[in-house]
Amino acid sequence: KIDGASGLPTGTAEEMIGWYQEVACHIMPDSWKRGKLAKADAVAFVRYDAYDTQHKLPSGVARTPGTDHEEWTLGLSFFLTPNFVVKADYQYLDNDANDNKDNQINLGVGFQF
């Protein structure tokens, strides 16, 4: 919620809304977890996101097409150790402007120390 949105640049919403749901499953067989892969794991996941960045606009402000989004993400995370992950996913992106040309493949690396 943004109080005073009417005084901000055009298109700034008073209210945004969104949610997501994610399901994941450990898929690496225990028989593969030997030697250097003893602490490794593989996790497949699916996530659904829905969010509207212009849910409620100030009076007199026109809605910008493409601000009400739905996304599906399908991916795989490979944990070489519990603290180091390599991740790949595919995102199917859709919005109220129907310009889903931004579907994408994402690659990432994560670590904690």
Protein backbone atom coordinates (compact mmCIF):
# COMPACT_ATOMS: atom_id res chain seq x y z
CA LYS A 1 0.00 0.00 0.00
CA ILE A 2 1.41 3.38 -1.01
CA ASP A 3 -0.10 6.44 0.63
CA GLY A 4 0.09 9.58 -1.52
CA ALA A 5 0.48 7.65 -4.80
CA SER A 6 -1.40 10.38 -6.65
CA GLY A 7 1.58 12.71 -6.09
CA LEU A 8 4.07 10.20 -7.54
CA PRO A 9 4.88 9.60 -11.24
CA THR A 10 1.99 8.45 -13.43
CA GLY A 11 1.18 4.79 -13.14
CA THR A 12 2.25 4.41 -9.50
CA ALA A 13 -0.38 2.29 -7.80
CA GLU A 14 -1.92 2.90 -4.39
CA GLU A 15 -2.04 -0.86 -3.90
CA MET A 16 -0.29 -3.93 -5.31
CA ILE A 17 -1.27 -7.54 -4.70
CA GLY A 18 0.27 -10.93 -5.33
CA TRP A 19 0.87 -14.47 -4.17
CA TYR A 20 2.73 -17.62 -5.13
CA GLN A 21 2.71 -21.34 -4.49
CA GLU A 22 5.73 -23.62 -4.89
CA VAL A 23 6.05 -27.40 -4.79
CA ALA A 24 9.41 -29.19 -4.76
CA CYS A 25 10.55 -32.80 -4.69
CA HIS A 26 13.95 -34.31 -3.85
CA ILE A 27 14.72 -36.54 -6.83
CA MET A 28 18.31 -37.71 -6.37
CA PRO A 29 18.46 -41.41 -5.46
CA ASP A 30 20.38 -42.23 -2.28
CA SER A 31 22.44 -44.76 -4.26
CA TRP A 32 24.06 -41.83 -6.15
CA LYS A 33 25.11 -40.09 -2.92
CA ARG A 34 28.58 -41.58 -2.56
CA GLY A 35 32.10 -40.20 -2.43
CA LYS A 36 32.23 -36.54 -3.42
CA LEU A 37 28.44 -36.57 -3.92
CA ALA A 38 27.72 -37.89 -0.40
CA LYS A 39 26.04 -34.61 0.63
CA ALA A 40 24.64 -33.76 -2.82
CA ASP A 41 20.95 -33.48 -3.67
CA ALA A 42 18.75 -32.66 -6.65
CA VAL A 43 15.40 -30.91 -6.26
CA ALA A 44 12.80 -30.44 -9.01
CA PHE A 45 10.31 -27.63 -8.47
CA VAL A 46 7.26 -25.91 -9.93
CA ARG A 47 6.13 -22.44 -8.87
CA TYR A 48 3.05 -20.39 -9.81
CA ASP A 49 3.10 -16.62 -9.23
CA ALA A 50 0.25 -14.13 -9.70
CA TYR A 51 0.73 -10.44 -9.03
CA ASP A 52 -0.77 -7.12 -10.09
CA THR A 53 1.48 -4.08 -9.71
CA GLN A 54 -1.44 -1.72 -10.39
CA HIS A 55 -4.17 -3.40 -8.33
CA LYS A 56 -5.62 -0.08 -7.16
CA LEU A 57 -4.77 3.20 -8.87
CA PRO A 58 -5.35 6.78 -7.75
CA SER A 59 -8.50 8.40 -9.13
CA GLY A 60 -8.01 9.54 -12.73
CA VAL A 61 -4.90 7.44 -13.40
CA ALA A 62 -5.19 5.03 -16.35
CA ARG A 63 -4.03 1.45 -16.00
CA THR A 64 -0.86 0.51 -17.91
CA PRO A 65 -1.31 -2.70 -19.96
CA GLY A 66 0.87 -5.59 -18.85
CA THR A 67 0.85 -4.99 -15.09
CA ASP A 68 -1.33 -7.97 -14.10
CA HIS A 69 1.01 -10.99 -14.28
CA GLU A 70 0.90 -14.78 -14.10
CA GLU A 71 4.08 -16.87 -14.17
CA TRP A 72 4.87 -20.58 -14.19
CA THR A 73 8.42 -21.63 -13.33
CA LEU A 74 9.73 -25.17 -13.84
CA GLY A 75 13.21 -25.91 -12.59
CA LEU A 76 15.91 -28.07 -11.13
CA SER A 77 18.31 -27.25 -8.30
CA PHE A 78 21.45 -29.35 -7.90
CA PHE A 79 23.07 -29.03 -4.47
CA LEU A 80 26.72 -30.06 -4.73
CA THR A 81 26.89 -29.54 -0.95
CA PRO A 82 24.20 -28.28 1.44
CA ASN A 83 25.75 -24.79 1.07
CA PHE A 84 26.32 -24.63 -2.72
CA VAL A 85 23.63 -24.92 -5.42
CA VAL A 86 23.51 -24.69 -9.21
CA LYS A 87 20.02 -23.92 -10.48
CA ALA A 88 18.27 -23.81 -13.86
CA ASP A 89 14.65 -23.01 -14.63
CA TYR A 90 12.27 -22.07 -17.42
CA GLN A 91 9.68 -19.35 -16.88
CA TYR A 92 6.47 -18.99 -18.84
CA LEU A 93 5.37 -15.38 -18.37
CA ASP A 94 1.93 -13.99 -19.18
CA ASN A 95 0.19 -10.70 -18.47
CA ASP A 96 -2.99 -8.81 -19.22
CA ALA A 97 -1.44 -7.29 -22.36
CA ASN A 98 -0.93 -10.83 -23.77
CA ASP A 99 2.67 -10.07 -24.72
CA ASN A 100 4.21 -13.27 -23.36
CA LYS A 101 7.31 -12.75 -25.50
CA ASP A 102 9.45 -12.61 -22.34
CA ASN A 103 9.49 -16.35 -21.54
CA GLN A 104 12.97 -17.06 -20.28
CA ILE A 105 15.57 -19.55 -19.17
CA ASN A 106 17.38 -18.68 -15.94
CA LEU A 107 20.67 -20.08 -14.67
CA GLY A 108 22.05 -19.36 -11.23
CA VAL A 109 24.55 -20.27 -8.58
CA GLY A 110 24.00 -19.82 -4.86
CA PHE A 111 26.13 -20.31 -1.77
CA GLN A 112 26.18 -19.53 1.91
CA PHE A 113 29.16 -19.30 4.21
